[in-house]
Amino acid sequence: MLIQNAIISNMNMKITEAIFGNDHPSGNFDLGNGNSISYLHSDGNIIITIINPNTGSTTIVVPEFIAE
């Protein structure tokens, strides 16, 4: 369980850094089994889309200034 928690924590950190960092204007993370997280920096916002094949998709829009 400890190793699993460390892997999940590391993955969460990398996804968070990618989305809220300034290195890439967009990206996608394939989490397996049809699950994914994608993001796009556009017009002062970060648009985050979470796709779960069982429940559909959820889109969250966050102003970029909050991520700074």
N, C-alpha and C. Protein backbone atom coordinates (compact mmCIF):
# COMPACT_ATOMS: atom_id res chain seq x y z
N MET A 1 0.83 -1.20 0.00
CA MET A 1 0.00 0.00 0.00
C MET A 1 0.87 1.26 0.00
N LEU A 2 1.99 1.22 0.71
CA LEU A 2 2.88 2.37 0.79
C LEU A 2 3.45 2.72 -0.59
N ILE A 3 3.86 1.71 -1.35
CA ILE A 3 4.40 1.95 -2.69
C ILE A 3 3.32 2.51 -3.60
N GLN A 4 2.11 1.95 -3.52
CA GLN A 4 1.00 2.44 -4.33
C GLN A 4 0.71 3.90 -4.02
N ASN A 5 0.69 4.27 -2.75
CA ASN A 5 0.43 5.66 -2.37
C ASN A 5 1.52 6.59 -2.90
N ALA A 6 2.77 6.14 -2.85
CA ALA A 6 3.88 6.96 -3.35
C ALA A 6 3.77 7.16 -4.85
N ILE A 7 3.39 6.12 -5.59
CA ILE A 7 3.23 6.23 -7.04
C ILE A 7 2.10 7.19 -7.38
N ILE A 8 0.97 7.05 -6.71
CA ILE A 8 -0.18 7.93 -6.96
C ILE A 8 0.17 9.38 -6.61
N SER A 9 0.86 9.59 -5.52
CA SER A 9 1.26 10.93 -5.11
C SER A 9 2.18 11.56 -6.15
N ASN A 10 3.15 10.78 -6.63
CA ASN A 10 4.08 11.27 -7.64
C ASN A 10 3.35 11.61 -8.93
N MET A 11 2.42 10.76 -9.35
CA MET A 11 1.65 11.01 -10.56
C MET A 11 0.80 12.27 -10.42
N ASN A 12 0.17 12.43 -9.26
CA ASN A 12 -0.63 13.63 -9.01
C ASN A 12 0.21 14.89 -9.09
N MET A 13 1.41 14.84 -8.54
CA MET A 13 2.31 15.99 -8.55
C MET A 13 2.70 16.34 -9.99
N LYS A 14 3.02 15.34 -10.80
CA LYS A 14 3.42 15.59 -12.18
C LYS A 14 2.27 16.17 -13.00
N ILE A 15 1.07 15.66 -12.81
CA ILE A 15 -0.09 16.18 -13.53
C ILE A 15 -0.37 17.62 -13.10
N THR A 16 -0.32 17.90 -11.81
CA THR A 16 -0.56 19.25 -11.30
C THR A 16 0.47 20.23 -11.83
N GLU A 17 1.74 19.83 -11.81
CA GLU A 17 2.81 20.70 -12.33
C GLU A 17 2.63 20.96 -13.82
N ALA A 18 2.23 19.96 -14.57
CA ALA A 18 2.03 20.14 -16.01
C ALA A 18 0.87 21.09 -16.30
N ILE A 19 -0.24 20.89 -15.61
CA ILE A 19 -1.43 21.72 -15.86
C ILE A 19 -1.19 23.17 -15.44
N PHE A 20 -0.65 23.38 -14.25
CA PHE A 20 -0.54 24.73 -13.71
C PHE A 20 0.81 25.39 -13.97
N GLY A 21 1.74 24.65 -14.55
CA GLY A 21 3.02 25.23 -14.93
C GLY A 21 2.90 25.97 -16.25
N ASN A 22 3.98 26.56 -16.70
CA ASN A 22 3.95 27.34 -17.93
C ASN A 22 4.73 26.67 -19.06
N ASP A 23 5.10 25.41 -18.90
CA ASP A 23 5.94 24.75 -19.89
C ASP A 23 5.19 24.36 -21.17
N HIS A 24 3.95 23.91 -21.04
CA HIS A 24 3.19 23.44 -22.19
C HIS A 24 1.79 24.06 -22.19
N PRO A 25 1.36 24.61 -23.33
CA PRO A 25 0.04 25.23 -23.39
C PRO A 25 -1.11 24.23 -23.36
N SER A 26 -0.81 22.94 -23.64
CA SER A 26 -1.86 21.93 -23.59
C SER A 26 -1.22 20.57 -23.36
N GLY A 27 -2.05 19.61 -22.96
CA GLY A 27 -1.53 18.27 -22.75
C GLY A 27 -2.64 17.30 -22.43
N ASN A 28 -2.27 16.02 -22.42
CA ASN A 28 -3.23 14.96 -22.13
C ASN A 28 -2.54 13.86 -21.34
N PHE A 29 -3.25 13.32 -20.36
CA PHE A 29 -2.74 12.22 -19.57
C PHE A 29 -3.71 11.05 -19.71
N ASP A 30 -3.24 9.95 -20.26
CA ASP A 30 -4.03 8.73 -20.39
C ASP A 30 -3.84 7.92 -19.11
N LEU A 31 -4.90 7.76 -18.34
CA LEU A 31 -4.82 7.06 -17.07
C LEU A 31 -5.21 5.59 -17.19
N GLY A 32 -5.48 5.14 -18.40
CA GLY A 32 -5.85 3.76 -18.63
C GLY A 32 -7.34 3.52 -18.52
N ASN A 33 -7.78 2.44 -19.13
CA ASN A 33 -9.20 2.03 -19.10
C ASN A 33 -10.15 3.11 -19.56
N GLY A 34 -9.71 3.98 -20.47
CA GLY A 34 -10.56 5.03 -21.01
C GLY A 34 -10.61 6.30 -20.17
N ASN A 35 -9.91 6.33 -19.07
CA ASN A 35 -9.86 7.51 -18.20
C ASN A 35 -8.74 8.43 -18.66
N SER A 36 -9.02 9.72 -18.69
CA SER A 36 -7.98 10.67 -19.08
C SER A 36 -8.23 12.04 -18.49
N ILE A 37 -7.16 12.83 -18.47
CA ILE A 37 -7.23 14.23 -18.06
C ILE A 37 -6.53 15.02 -19.15
N SER A 38 -7.20 16.04 -19.67
CA SER A 38 -6.56 16.91 -20.66
C SER A 38 -6.70 18.36 -20.19
N TYR A 39 -5.80 19.20 -20.70
CA TYR A 39 -5.87 20.60 -20.32
C TYR A 39 -5.43 21.47 -21.49
N LEU A 40 -5.90 22.71 -21.45
CA LEU A 40 -5.59 23.70 -22.49
C LEU A 40 -5.57 25.07 -21.85
N HIS A 41 -4.48 25.81 -22.06
CA HIS A 41 -4.40 27.21 -21.64
C HIS A 41 -4.96 28.04 -22.79
N SER A 42 -6.02 28.81 -22.53
CA SER A 42 -6.67 29.57 -23.59
C SER A 42 -7.30 30.84 -23.03
N ASP A 43 -6.97 31.97 -23.63
CA ASP A 43 -7.60 33.26 -23.30
C ASP A 43 -7.62 33.56 -21.80
N GLY A 44 -6.49 33.31 -21.11
CA GLY A 44 -6.41 33.62 -19.69
C GLY A 44 -7.02 32.58 -18.77
N ASN A 45 -7.43 31.46 -19.33
CA ASN A 45 -8.02 30.38 -18.52
C ASN A 45 -7.27 29.08 -18.75
N ILE A 46 -7.41 28.16 -17.81
CA ILE A 46 -6.95 26.79 -17.98
C ILE A 46 -8.21 25.93 -18.03
N ILE A 47 -8.42 25.25 -19.14
CA ILE A 47 -9.60 24.41 -19.32
C ILE A 47 -9.16 22.96 -19.08
N ILE A 48 -9.71 22.35 -18.05
CA ILE A 48 -9.35 20.98 -17.66
C ILE A 48 -10.55 20.08 -17.92
N THR A 49 -10.32 19.00 -18.67
CA THR A 49 -11.39 18.04 -18.95
C THR A 49 -10.99 16.68 -18.41
N ILE A 50 -11.85 16.12 -17.59
CA ILE A 50 -11.63 14.80 -17.00
C ILE A 50 -12.64 13.85 -17.64
N ILE A 51 -12.14 12.77 -18.22
CA ILE A 51 -13.03 11.81 -18.88
C ILE A 51 -12.98 10.48 -18.14
N ASN A 52 -14.16 10.01 -17.76
CA ASN A 52 -14.36 8.71 -17.14
C ASN A 52 -15.39 8.00 -18.01
N PRO A 53 -15.04 6.85 -18.59
CA PRO A 53 -15.98 6.19 -19.50
C PRO A 53 -17.28 5.75 -18.82
N ASN A 54 -17.27 5.62 -17.52
CA ASN A 54 -18.49 5.20 -16.81
C ASN A 54 -19.42 6.36 -16.48
N THR A 55 -18.85 7.55 -16.26
CA THR A 55 -19.67 8.67 -15.82
C THR A 55 -19.68 9.84 -16.80
N GLY A 56 -18.86 9.77 -17.86
CA GLY A 56 -18.82 10.85 -18.85
C GLY A 56 -17.67 11.81 -18.58
N SER A 57 -17.84 13.03 -19.04
CA SER A 57 -16.75 14.00 -18.90
C SER A 57 -17.17 15.17 -18.03
N THR A 58 -16.17 15.75 -17.39
CA THR A 58 -16.35 16.93 -16.56
C THR A 58 -15.34 17.96 -17.01
N THR A 59 -15.78 19.19 -17.24
CA THR A 59 -14.89 20.26 -17.65
C THR A 59 -14.86 21.33 -16.55
N ILE A 60 -13.65 21.73 -16.20
CA ILE A 60 -13.45 22.76 -15.18
C ILE A 60 -12.65 23.88 -15.83
N VAL A 61 -13.08 25.12 -15.64
CA VAL A 61 -12.35 26.27 -16.16
C VAL A 61 -11.82 27.07 -14.98
N VAL A 62 -10.49 27.26 -14.97
CA VAL A 62 -9.82 27.96 -13.88
C VAL A 62 -9.08 29.16 -14.47
N PRO A 63 -9.30 30.36 -13.95
CA PRO A 63 -8.53 31.51 -14.43
C PRO A 63 -7.05 31.29 -14.19
N GLU A 64 -6.21 31.62 -15.16
CA GLU A 64 -4.78 31.40 -15.03
C GLU A 64 -4.17 32.14 -13.84
N PHE A 65 -4.69 33.31 -13.49
CA PHE A 65 -4.10 34.07 -12.39
C PHE A 65 -4.22 33.31 -11.06
N ILE A 66 -5.19 32.42 -10.91
CA ILE A 66 -5.31 31.64 -9.69
C ILE A 66 -4.18 30.61 -9.61
N ALA A 67 -3.72 30.14 -10.76
CA ALA A 67 -2.68 29.12 -10.80
C ALA A 67 -1.29 29.69 -10.56
N GLU A 68 -1.14 31.01 -10.57
CA GLU A 68 0.18 31.61 -10.40
C GLU A 68 0.65 31.57 -8.98
